[in-house]
C-alpha atoms as a PDB file:
ATOM      1  CA  MET A   1     -17.294-115.215  45.782  1.00  0.00           C
ATOM      2  CA  LYS A   2     -18.182-115.558  49.473  1.00  0.00           C
ATOM      3  CA  GLN A   3     -14.703-116.917  50.271  1.00  0.00           C
ATOM      4  CA  LYS A   4     -13.101-114.055  48.291  1.00  0.00           C
ATOM      5  CA  ILE A   5     -15.069-111.539  50.376  1.00  0.00           C
ATOM      6  CA  LEU A   6     -13.965-113.247  53.597  1.00  0.00           C
ATOM      7  CA  LEU A   7     -10.313-113.192  52.513  1.00  0.00           C
ATOM      8  CA  ASP A   8     -10.547-109.493  51.643  1.00  0.00           C
ATOM      9  CA  GLN A   9     -12.173-108.698  54.987  1.00  0.00           C
ATOM     10  CA  HIS A  10      -9.471-110.519  56.946  1.00  0.00           C
ATOM     11  CA  PHE A  11      -6.783-108.499  55.163  1.00  0.00           C
ATOM     12  CA  LYS A  12      -8.631-105.246  55.799  1.00  0.00           C
ATOM     13  CA  ASN A  13      -8.701-106.147  59.488  1.00  0.00           C
ATOM     14  CA  ILE A  14      -4.951-106.824  59.372  1.00  0.00           C
ATOM     15  CA  LEU A  15      -4.342-103.347  57.927  1.00  0.00           C
ATOM     16  CA  ARG A  16      -6.005-101.870  61.021  1.00  0.00           C
ATOM     17  CA  ASN A  17      -3.495-103.524  63.319  1.00  0.00           C
ATOM     18  CA  LYS A  18      -1.443-100.784  64.977  1.00  0.00           C
ATOM     19  CA  LEU A  19       1.889-102.522  64.465  1.00  0.00           C
ATOM     20  CA  ILE A  20       1.329-103.088  60.731  1.00  0.00           C
ATOM     21  CA  LEU A  21      -0.033 -99.573  60.313  1.00  0.00           C
ATOM     22  CA  ALA A  22       2.953 -98.073  62.159  1.00  0.00           C
ATOM     23  CA  TYR A  23       5.394 -99.676  59.679  1.00  0.00           C
ATOM     24  CA  ILE A  24       3.366 -98.294  56.753  1.00  0.00           C
ATOM     25  CA  MET A  25       3.344 -94.812  58.307  1.00  0.00           C
ATOM     26  CA  LYS A  26       7.081 -94.844  59.066  1.00  0.00           C
ATOM     27  CA  ASP A  27       8.061 -95.847  55.528  1.00  0.00           C
ATOM     28  CA  ASN A  28       5.666 -93.586  53.649  1.00  0.00           C
ATOM     29  CA  LEU A  29       4.790 -90.491  55.681  1.00  0.00           C
ATOM     30  CA  ASP A  30       7.473 -87.862  56.304  1.00  0.00           C
ATOM     31  CA  GLU A  31       5.932 -86.874  59.629  1.00  0.00           C
ATOM     32  CA  TYR A  32       6.762 -90.291  61.108  1.00  0.00           C
ATOM     33  CA  ALA A  33       9.984 -91.189  59.258  1.00  0.00           C
ATOM     34  CA  ASN A  34      12.298 -90.364  62.173  1.00  0.00           C
ATOM     35  CA  SER A  35      10.179 -91.927  64.910  1.00  0.00           C
ATOM     36  CA  SER A  36      10.355 -95.438  66.303  1.00  0.00           C
ATOM     37  CA  ILE A  37       7.596 -97.952  65.670  1.00  0.00           C
ATOM     38  CA  GLY A  38       6.636 -97.749  69.344  1.00  0.00           C
ATOM     39  CA  GLU A  39       6.338 -93.952  69.196  1.00  0.00           C
ATOM     40  CA  ILE A  40       4.204 -94.131  66.064  1.00  0.00           C
ATOM     41  CA  MET A  41       1.864 -96.692  67.624  1.00  0.00           C
ATOM     42  CA  LYS A  42       1.224 -94.253  70.478  1.00  0.00           C
ATOM     43  CA  CYS A  43       0.125 -91.666  67.902  1.00  0.00           C
ATOM     44  CA  ILE A  44      -2.624 -93.874  66.488  1.00  0.00           C
ATOM     45  CA  GLU A  45      -6.126 -93.213  67.775  1.00  0.00           C
ATOM     46  CA  PRO A  46      -8.306 -94.479  69.274  1.00  0.00           C
ATOM     47  CA  GLN A  47      -6.500 -96.520  71.880  1.00  0.00           C
ATOM     48  CA  GLY A  48      -7.083-100.245  71.410  1.00  0.00           C
ATOM     49  CA  ASP A  49      -6.166-103.136  69.158  1.00  0.00           C
ATOM     50  CA  VAL A  50      -8.044-101.871  66.107  1.00  0.00           C
ATOM     51  CA  PRO A  51      -7.120 -98.342  64.977  1.00  0.00           C
ATOM     52  CA  LEU A  52     -10.430 -97.602  63.322  1.00  0.00           C
ATOM     53  CA  HIS A  53     -12.370 -94.399  63.793  1.00  0.00           C
ATOM     54  CA  THR A  54     -15.363 -95.172  61.614  1.00  0.00           C
ATOM     55  CA  HIS A  55     -16.315 -97.162  58.534  1.00  0.00           C
ATOM     56  CA  LEU A  56     -18.924 -94.743  57.336  1.00  0.00           C
ATOM     57  CA  ILE A  57     -18.874 -91.088  56.440  1.00  0.00           C
ATOM     58  CA  SER A  58     -22.520 -90.180  55.996  1.00  0.00           C
ATOM     59  CA  GLY A  59     -23.753 -87.827  53.336  1.00  0.00           C
ATOM     60  CA  HIS A  60     -23.718 -84.104  54.107  1.00  0.00           C
ATOM     61  CA  ARG A  61     -26.516 -81.674  53.362  1.00  0.00           C
ATOM     62  CA  ASN A  62     -25.778 -79.484  50.389  1.00  0.00           C
ATOM     63  CA  GLU A  63     -27.214 -76.092  49.452  1.00  0.00           C
ATOM     64  CA  ASN A  64     -30.350 -77.785  48.076  1.00  0.00           C
ATOM     65  CA  ASN A  65     -30.865 -79.559  51.408  1.00  0.00           C
ATOM     66  CA  GLU A  66     -30.203 -82.919  49.757  1.00  0.00           C
ATOM     67  CA  ASP A  67     -28.015 -85.744  51.059  1.00  0.00           C
ATOM     68  CA  ASP A  68     -24.793 -86.645  49.269  1.00  0.00           C
ATOM     69  CA  VAL A  69     -23.954 -90.316  48.803  1.00  0.00           C
ATOM     70  CA  SER A  70     -22.406 -91.931  51.874  1.00  0.00           C
ATOM     71  CA  VAL A  71     -18.870 -93.321  51.643  1.00  0.00           C
ATOM     72  CA  VAL A  72     -17.713 -96.581  53.221  1.00  0.00           C
ATOM     73  CA  PHE A  73     -13.971 -96.806  53.863  1.00  0.00           C
ATOM     74  CA  ASP A  74     -11.926 -99.971  54.380  1.00  0.00           C
ATOM     75  CA  SER A  75     -10.183 -98.274  57.284  1.00  0.00           C
ATOM     76  CA  LEU A  76     -10.126 -94.731  58.612  1.00  0.00           C
ATOM     77  CA  VAL A  77      -7.538 -93.874  61.244  1.00  0.00           C
ATOM     78  CA  TYR A  78      -6.965 -90.741  63.305  1.00  0.00           C
ATOM     79  CA  ALA A  79      -3.371 -89.984  64.305  1.00  0.00           C
ATOM     80  CA  SER A  80      -1.467 -87.337  66.238  1.00  0.00           C
ATOM     81  CA  LEU A  81       2.097 -86.256  65.518  1.00  0.00           C
ATOM     82  CA  PRO A  82       5.105 -87.700  67.360  1.00  0.00           C
ATOM     83  CA  HIS A  83       6.239 -85.833  70.482  1.00  0.00           C
ATOM     84  CA  ASP A  84       2.923 -84.000  70.771  1.00  0.00           C
ATOM     85  CA  ASP A  85       2.023 -84.454  74.432  1.00  0.00           C
ATOM     86  CA  LYS A  86      -1.475 -83.089  73.848  1.00  0.00           C
ATOM     87  CA  ARG A  87      -2.144 -85.878  71.304  1.00  0.00           C
ATOM     88  CA  LYS A  88      -4.029 -83.493  69.045  1.00  0.00           C
ATOM     89  CA  ILE A  89      -5.371 -85.190  65.926  1.00  0.00           C
ATOM     90  CA  ALA A  90      -3.160 -83.983  63.072  1.00  0.00           C
ATOM     91  CA  MET A  91      -3.810 -86.558  60.342  1.00  0.00           C
ATOM     92  CA  ILE A  92      -6.649 -88.709  59.038  1.00  0.00           C
ATOM     93  CA  ILE A  93      -5.381 -91.800  57.225  1.00  0.00           C
ATOM     94  CA  ASN A  94      -7.595 -93.810  54.918  1.00  0.00           C
ATOM     95  CA  LEU A  95      -6.282 -97.268  53.926  1.00  0.00           C
ATOM     96  CA  GLU A  96      -7.824 -99.163  51.028  1.00  0.00           C
ATOM     97  CA  ALA A  97      -7.027-102.720  49.917  1.00  0.00           C
ATOM     98  CA  GLN A  98      -7.231-103.025  46.120  1.00  0.00           C
ATOM     99  CA  GLY A  99      -7.027-106.437  44.439  1.00  0.00           C
ATOM    100  CA  GLU A 100      -6.204-105.129  40.976  1.00  0.00           C
ATOM    101  CA  LEU A 101      -6.384-101.916  38.961  1.00  0.00           C
ATOM    102  CA  LYS A 102      -9.834-102.485  37.540  1.00  0.00           C
ATOM    103  CA  GLY A 103     -13.135-100.795  38.115  1.00  0.00           C
ATOM    104  CA  ARG A 104     -15.389 -98.052  36.863  1.00  0.00           C
ATOM    105  CA  SER A 105     -13.034 -95.349  38.160  1.00  0.00           C
ATOM    106  CA  HIS A 106      -9.249 -95.027  38.277  1.00  0.00           C
ATOM    107  CA  VAL A 107      -7.733 -95.607  41.703  1.00  0.00           C
ATOM    108  CA  LEU A 108      -6.377 -92.028  41.810  1.00  0.00           C
ATOM    109  CA  SER A 109      -9.772 -90.536  41.004  1.00  0.00           C
ATOM    110  CA  ARG A 110     -11.302 -92.548  43.833  1.00  0.00           C
ATOM    111  CA  ALA A 111      -8.509 -91.543  46.196  1.00  0.00           C
ATOM    112  CA  ASN A 112      -9.062 -87.860  45.387  1.00  0.00           C
ATOM    113  CA  TYR A 113     -12.760 -88.210  46.120  1.00  0.00           C
ATOM    114  CA  TYR A 114     -12.114 -90.046  49.401  1.00  0.00           C
ATOM    115  CA  ASN A 115      -9.676 -87.339  50.487  1.00  0.00           C
ATOM    116  CA  SER A 116     -12.147 -84.605  49.588  1.00  0.00           C
ATOM    117  CA  ARG A 117     -14.851 -86.248  51.660  1.00  0.00           C
ATOM    118  CA  ASN A 118     -12.464 -86.634  54.587  1.00  0.00           C
ATOM    119  CA  VAL A 119     -11.804 -82.898  54.446  1.00  0.00           C
ATOM    120  CA  SER A 120     -15.454 -81.870  54.146  1.00  0.00           C
ATOM    121  CA  MET A 121     -16.555 -84.120  57.010  1.00  0.00           C
ATOM    122  CA  GLN A 122     -14.238 -82.177  59.359  1.00  0.00           C
ATOM    123  CA  VAL A 123     -16.582 -79.176  59.365  1.00  0.00           C
ATOM    124  CA  ASN A 124     -17.793 -78.522  62.917  1.00  0.00           C
ATOM    125  CA  GLU A 125     -15.620 -81.396  64.198  1.00  0.00           C
ATOM    126  CA  PHE A 126     -12.078 -80.128  63.548  1.00  0.00           C
ATOM    127  CA  PHE A 127     -12.706 -76.683  62.104  1.00  0.00           C
ATOM    128  CA  ASP A 128     -15.494 -74.237  61.341  1.00  0.00           C
ATOM    129  CA  HIS A 129     -15.926 -71.977  58.338  1.00  0.00           C
ATOM    130  CA  ALA A 130     -13.997 -69.190  60.032  1.00  0.00           C
ATOM    131  CA  GLN A 131     -10.908 -71.316  60.823  1.00  0.00           C
ATOM    132  CA  TYR A 132      -9.749 -73.082  57.667  1.00  0.00           C
ATOM    133  CA  ASP A 133      -6.193 -73.216  59.018  1.00  0.00           C
ATOM    134  CA  ASP A 134      -7.393 -75.971  61.361  1.00  0.00           C
ATOM    135  CA  ILE A 135      -8.157 -78.403  58.526  1.00  0.00           C
ATOM    136  CA  VAL A 136      -6.495 -81.708  59.406  1.00  0.00           C
ATOM    137  CA  LYS A 137      -4.270 -83.287  56.765  1.00  0.00           C
ATOM    138  CA  VAL A 138      -5.829 -86.281  55.005  1.00  0.00           C
ATOM    139  CA  VAL A 139      -3.924 -89.178  53.424  1.00  0.00           C
ATOM    140  CA  SER A 140      -5.355 -91.949  51.282  1.00  0.00           C
ATOM    141  CA  ILE A 141      -3.155 -95.062  51.042  1.00  0.00           C
ATOM    142  CA  TRP A 142      -4.040 -97.689  48.429  1.00  0.00           C
ATOM    143  CA  ILE A 143      -2.412-101.115  48.619  1.00  0.00           C
ATOM    144  CA  VAL A 144      -2.598-102.956  45.286  1.00  0.00           C
ATOM    145  CA  PHE A 145      -1.969-106.717  45.418  1.00  0.00           C
ATOM    146  CA  ASN A 146      -2.255-107.946  41.833  1.00  0.00           C
ATOM    147  CA  ALA A 147      -0.505-105.047  40.139  1.00  0.00           C
ATOM    148  CA  PRO A 148       0.778-105.204  36.534  1.00  0.00           C
ATOM    149  CA  LYS A 149       4.303-106.612  36.406  1.00  0.00           C
ATOM    150  CA  HIS A 150       5.903-103.274  35.454  1.00  0.00           C
ATOM    151  CA  LYS A 151       4.395-101.622  38.552  1.00  0.00           C
ATOM    152  CA  GLN A 152       5.159-104.321  41.120  1.00  0.00           C
ATOM    153  CA  GLY A 153       7.370-103.114  43.952  1.00  0.00           C
ATOM    154  CA  CYS A 154       6.678 -99.444  43.136  1.00  0.00           C
ATOM    155  CA  ILE A 155       5.367 -96.740  45.467  1.00  0.00           C
ATOM    156  CA  ASN A 156       3.838 -93.550  44.040  1.00  0.00           C
ATOM    157  CA  ARG A 157       3.073 -90.384  46.004  1.00  0.00           C
ATOM    158  CA  TYR A 158       0.775 -87.552  44.896  1.00  0.00           C
ATOM    159  CA  ARG A 159       0.573 -84.298  46.831  1.00  0.00           C
ATOM    160  CA  MET A 160       0.326 -80.540  46.448  1.00  0.00           C
ATOM    161  CA  VAL A 161       3.635 -78.700  46.110  1.00  0.00           C
ATOM    162  CA  GLU A 162       4.569 -75.037  45.745  1.00  0.00           C
ATOM    163  CA  GLU A 163       5.820 -73.903  42.331  1.00  0.00           C
ATOM    164  CA  HIS A 164       7.504 -70.544  41.807  1.00  0.00           C
ATOM    165  CA  ILE A 165       6.257 -69.419  38.394  1.00  0.00           C
ATOM    166  CA  ILE A 166       7.579 -65.861  38.826  1.00  0.00           C
ATOM    167  CA  GLY A 167       9.666 -64.758  41.778  1.00  0.00           C
ATOM    168  CA  ASN A 168      10.453 -66.703  44.933  1.00  0.00           C
ATOM    169  CA  ALA A 169       7.632 -65.915  47.371  1.00  0.00           C
ATOM    170  CA  CYS A 170       7.278 -68.855  49.765  1.00  0.00           C
ATOM    171  CA  GLU A 171       4.477 -70.071  52.001  1.00  0.00           C
ATOM    172  CA  GLU A 172       4.640 -72.543  54.857  1.00  0.00           C
ATOM    173  CA  GLU A 173       3.940 -76.075  53.696  1.00  0.00           C
ATOM    174  CA  LYS A 174       1.400 -76.681  56.482  1.00  0.00           C
ATOM    175  CA  TYR A 175      -1.030 -74.310  54.757  1.00  0.00           C
ATOM    176  CA  PHE A 176      -1.159 -76.098  51.412  1.00  0.00           C
ATOM    177  CA  ASP A 177      -0.003 -79.667  52.114  1.00  0.00           C
ATOM    178  CA  LYS A 178      -3.444 -80.810  53.259  1.00  0.00           C
ATOM    179  CA  GLN A 179      -3.989 -83.847  51.026  1.00  0.00           C
ATOM    180  CA  GLN A 180      -1.810 -86.731  49.942  1.00  0.00           C
ATOM    181  CA  ILE A 181      -2.292 -89.995  48.012  1.00  0.00           C
ATOM    182  CA  LEU A 182       0.004 -93.016  48.217  1.00  0.00           C
ATOM    183  CA  VAL A 183      -0.255 -96.105  46.022  1.00  0.00           C
ATOM    184  CA  LEU A 184       1.723 -99.194  47.072  1.00  0.00           C
ATOM    185  CA  TYR A 185       2.072-101.788  44.311  1.00  0.00           C
ATOM    186  CA  LEU A 186       3.045-105.046  46.010  1.00  0.00           C
ATOM    187  CA  GLY A 187       5.482-107.362  44.232  1.00  0.00           C
ATOM    188  CA  TYR A 188       7.220-110.695  44.764  1.00  0.00           C
ATOM    189  CA  LYS A 189      10.753-109.375  45.207  1.00  0.00           C
ATOM    190  CA  GLU A 190      12.384-108.116  48.402  1.00  0.00           C
ATOM    191  CA  SER A 191      11.891-104.369  48.899  1.00  0.00           C
ATOM    192  CA  GLU A 192      14.075-101.815  50.656  1.00  0.00           C
ATOM    193  CA  TYR A 193      10.943-100.778  52.562  1.00  0.00           C
ATOM    194  CA  ILE A 194      10.073-103.019  55.497  1.00  0.00           C
ATOM    195  CA  SER A 195       6.353-102.270  55.202  1.00  0.00           C
ATOM    196  CA  MET A 196       6.288-103.518  51.592  1.00  0.00           C
ATOM    197  CA  ASN A 197       7.922-106.802  52.639  1.00  0.00           C
ATOM    198  CA  ILE A 198       5.488-107.244  55.530  1.00  0.00           C
ATOM    199  CA  LEU A 199       2.469-106.620  53.307  1.00  0.00           C
ATOM    200  CA  ARG A 200       3.844-108.966  50.640  1.00  0.00           C
ATOM    201  CA  ILE A 201       4.208-111.768  53.202  1.00  0.00           C
ATOM    202  CA  LEU A 202       0.759-111.202  54.690  1.00  0.00           C
ATOM    203  CA  ALA A 203      -0.899-111.119  51.256  1.00  0.00           C
ATOM    204  CA  ASP A 204       0.861-114.247  49.931  1.00  0.00           C
ATOM    205  CA  ASN A 205      -1.870-116.890  49.535  1.00  0.00           C
ATOM    206  CA  GLY A 206       0.746-119.552  48.811  1.00  0.00           C
ATOM    207  CA  MET A 207       2.343-119.218  52.256  1.00  0.00           C
ATOM    208  CA  ASP A 208       0.864-121.046  55.252  1.00  0.00           C
ATOM    209  CA  TYR A 209       0.579-119.617  58.767  1.00  0.00           C
ATOM    210  CA  GLU A 210       3.826-121.119  60.086  1.00  0.00           C
ATOM    211  CA  LYS A 211       5.858-119.845  57.124  1.00  0.00           C
ATOM    212  CA  LYS A 212       4.344-116.380  57.439  1.00  0.00           C
ATOM    213  CA  ASN A 213       5.130-116.324  61.136  1.00  0.00           C
ATOM    214  CA  GLU A 214       8.722-117.343  60.447  1.00  0.00           C
ATOM    215  CA  ALA A 215       9.142-114.810  57.627  1.00  0.00           C
ATOM    216  CA  LEU A 216       7.737-111.959  59.741  1.00  0.00           C
ATOM    217  CA  GLU A 217      10.145-112.664  62.600  1.00  0.00           C
ATOM    218  CA  LYS A 218      12.865-111.202  60.373  1.00  0.00           C
ATOM    219  CA  TYR A 219      11.154-107.848  60.929  1.00  0.00           C
ATOM    220  CA  ASP A 220      10.598-108.418  64.678  1.00  0.00           C
ATOM    221  CA  ILE A 221       6.898-109.107  64.181  1.00  0.00           C
ATOM    222  CA  ARG A 222       5.344-111.918  66.212  1.00  0.00           C
ATOM    223  CA  LEU A 223       1.902-113.165  65.292  1.00  0.00           C
ATOM    224  CA  LYS A 224      -0.141-112.949  68.457  1.00  0.00           C
ATOM    225  CA  GLY A 225      -3.514-111.714  69.673  1.00  0.00           C
ATOM    226  CA  GLY A 226      -5.884-110.274  67.103  1.00  0.00           C
ATOM    227  CA  LEU A 227      -3.224-110.189  64.381  1.00  0.00           C
ATOM    228  CA  ALA A 228      -2.520-113.915  64.766  1.00  0.00           C
ATOM    229  CA  LYS A 229      -6.242-114.679  64.616  1.00  0.00           C
ATOM    230  CA  GLU A 230      -6.747-112.705  61.399  1.00  0.00           C
ATOM    231  CA  VAL A 231      -3.659-114.163  59.676  1.00  0.00           C
ATOM    232  CA  ARG A 232      -4.577-117.725  60.666  1.00  0.00           C
ATOM    233  CA  SER A 233      -8.156-117.263  59.472  1.00  0.00           C
ATOM    234  CA  MET A 234      -6.927-115.812  56.178  1.00  0.00           C
ATOM    235  CA  CYS A 235      -4.555-118.753  55.693  1.00  0.00           C
ATOM    236  CA  ASP A 236      -7.331-121.238  56.502  1.00  0.00           C
ATOM    237  CA  TYR A 237      -9.661-119.628  53.971  1.00  0.00           C
ATOM    238  CA  GLY A 238      -6.830-119.487  51.427  1.00  0.00           C
ATOM    239  CA  ASP A 239      -6.220-123.238  51.869  1.00  0.00           C
ATOM    240  CA  TYR A 240      -9.933-123.879  51.452  1.00  0.00           C
ATOM    241  CA  VAL A 241     -10.153-121.826  48.262  1.00  0.00           C
ATOM    242  CA  GLU A 242      -7.047-123.552  46.859  1.00  0.00           C
ATOM    243  CA  LYS A 243      -8.477-126.974  47.708  1.00  0.00           C
ATOM    244  CA  MET A 244     -11.800-126.153  46.083  1.00  0.00           C
ATOM    245  CA  GLY A 245      -9.994-124.851  42.999  1.00  0.00           C
ATOM    246  CA  THR A 246      -7.914-128.041  42.760  1.00  0.00           C
ATOM    247  CA  GLU A 247     -10.986-130.254  43.093  1.00  0.00           C
ATOM    248  CA  LYS A 248     -12.845-128.292  40.446  1.00  0.00           C
ATOM    249  CA  GLY A 249      -9.805-128.495  38.185  1.00  0.00           C
ATOM    250  CA  LEU A 250      -9.668-132.274  38.574  1.00  0.00           C
ATOM    251  CA  GLN A 251     -13.370-132.530  37.828  1.00  0.00           C
ATOM    252  CA  ARG A 252     -12.941-130.420  34.694  1.00  0.00           C
ATOM    253  CA  GLY A 253      -9.978-132.583  33.667  1.00  0.00           C
ATOM    254  CA  ILE A 254     -11.986-135.789  34.078  1.00  0.00           C
ATOM    255  CA  LEU A 255     -14.878-134.376  32.056  1.00  0.00           C
ATOM    256  CA  GLN A 256     -12.522-133.076  29.371  1.00  0.00           C
ATOM    257  CA  GLY A 257     -10.834-136.477  29.153  1.00  0.00           C
ATOM    258  CA  LYS A 258     -14.185-138.194  28.792  1.00  0.00           C
ATOM    259  CA  GLU A 259     -15.186-135.820  26.005  1.00  0.00           C
ATOM    260  CA  GLU A 260     -11.930-136.419  24.137  1.00  0.00           C
ATOM    261  CA  GLU A 261     -12.401-140.213  24.378  1.00  0.00           C
ATOM    262  CA  ARG A 262     -15.910-139.895  22.980  1.00  0.00           C
ATOM    263  CA  LEU A 263     -14.745-137.712  20.119  1.00  0.00           C
ATOM    264  CA  VAL A 264     -12.141-140.314  19.134  1.00  0.00           C
ATOM    265  CA  SER A 265     -14.769-143.073  19.316  1.00  0.00           C
ATOM    266  CA  LEU A 266     -17.251-141.066  17.262  1.00  0.00           C
ATOM    267  CA  SER A 267     -14.691-140.389  14.551  1.00  0.00           C
ATOM    268  CA  SER A 268     -13.718-144.089  14.463  1.00  0.00           C
ATOM    269  CA  LEU A 269     -17.330-145.302  14.203  1.00  0.00           C
ATOM    270  CA  MET A 270     -18.196-142.827  11.472  1.00  0.00           C
ATOM    271  CA  LYS A 271     -15.138-143.798   9.433  1.00  0.00           C
ATOM    272  CA  ASN A 272     -15.192-147.586   9.877  1.00  0.00           C
ATOM    273  CA  MET A 273     -18.961-148.179   9.835  1.00  0.00           C
ATOM    274  CA  GLN A 274     -19.746-145.464   7.300  1.00  0.00           C
ATOM    275  CA  ILE A 275     -22.470-143.924   9.476  1.00  0.00           C
ATOM    276  CA  ASP A 276     -23.360-140.331  10.266  1.00  0.00           C
ATOM    277  CA  LEU A 277     -22.680-138.545  13.538  1.00  0.00           C
ATOM    278  CA  HIS A 278     -26.239-138.981  14.803  1.00  0.00           C
ATOM    279  CA  GLU A 279     -26.071-142.769  14.456  1.00  0.00           C
ATOM    280  CA  ALA A 280     -22.609-142.862  16.033  1.00  0.00           C
ATOM    281  CA  MET A 281     -23.858-140.931  19.089  1.00  0.00           C
ATOM    282  CA  LYS A 282     -26.745-143.371  19.468  1.00  0.00           C
ATOM    283  CA  LEU A 283     -24.363-146.360  19.356  1.00  0.00           C
ATOM    284  CA  LEU A 284     -22.225-144.808  22.127  1.00  0.00           C
ATOM    285  CA  ASN A 285     -25.331-144.163  24.255  1.00  0.00           C
ATOM    286  CA  ILE A 286     -24.641-140.442  24.437  1.00  0.00           C
ATOM    287  CA  PRO A 287     -27.672-138.686  25.979  1.00  0.00           C
ATOM    288  CA  GLU A 288     -29.741-136.747  23.458  1.00  0.00           C
ATOM    289  CA  SER A 289     -29.360-133.642  25.622  1.00  0.00           C
ATOM    290  CA  GLU A 290     -25.630-133.693  24.739  1.00  0.00           C
ATOM    291  CA  TYR A 291     -26.035-134.218  20.993  1.00  0.00           C
ATOM    292  CA  HIS A 292     -25.690-130.515  20.199  1.00  0.00           C
ATOM    293  CA  LYS A 293     -22.509-130.208  22.247  1.00  0.00           C
ATOM    294  CA  TYR A 294     -20.789-133.081  20.419  1.00  0.00           C
ATOM    295  CA  MET A 295     -21.978-131.788  17.054  1.00  0.00           C
ATOM    296  CA  GLU A 296     -20.259-128.487  17.864  1.00  0.00           C
ATOM    297  CA  LEU A 297     -17.106-130.253  19.060  1.00  0.00           C
ATOM    298  CA  MET A 298     -16.904-132.420  15.974  1.00  0.00           C
ATOM    299  CA  ASN A 299     -17.290-129.389  13.722  1.00  0.00           C
ATOM    300  CA  HIS A 300     -14.151-127.892  15.281  1.00  0.00           C
ATOM    301  CA  LEU A 301     -11.962-130.959  14.778  1.00  0.00           C
END
């Protein structure tokens, strides 16, 4: 479990890398689709190697003067829009790494809650109660690694859109397009989206550091600095986990083989010497503590 946590943490750190994040933003967010990777990286705040504003959004006081539950995000990034010289924060991006679609709550329900909290926490920081137009758009991006086969390689987007029930009255999108959810289901096949291919390579536990480095060069990504450190550490831990799993498998195989040999010997003794199972176990020097186990095994033959 400890190694699993370490692997997850390394990947979460990789998602905060500006270069990786820029590819995700370009492929999946309309605001950045026509910008270069370099331009998008300049939009990511704060300046530095790790585009992380904060892990923790603390609880807010409600009308009963009680604290809400605090929320811990995998990664929370502030970003401005391309070609905005003032670099005004225009989007808050929450990235979450999800191993598989299991848990007490559906991934979309969690994403909605995370987005709601990222809107409410803007009070007195980005807007006050008299200026709701200043609410900054929030986006929750969920990257699912072990997705069901029928979902692998898919990308789903959920956002508010205008519907004309009667008539054709239109409003500007900036006033209602304040929240968005994206779910990226990684697969094993090549994708038309560069970001999906990059994430697939980085998340592949069966690929060592050198192979990942070589595969990423296809997308003009060189493993260096903090990114190289995180990828190498993740590969090292992956090798360790695989080695431990192999050793445990061999141990289980040896024990299983020993049990099967004993079962054959027990059956032979009981048949040829006309003795009961208890006597046969004594003749084979099986410890009394294991008698019950072999009684159960023999009953299932």
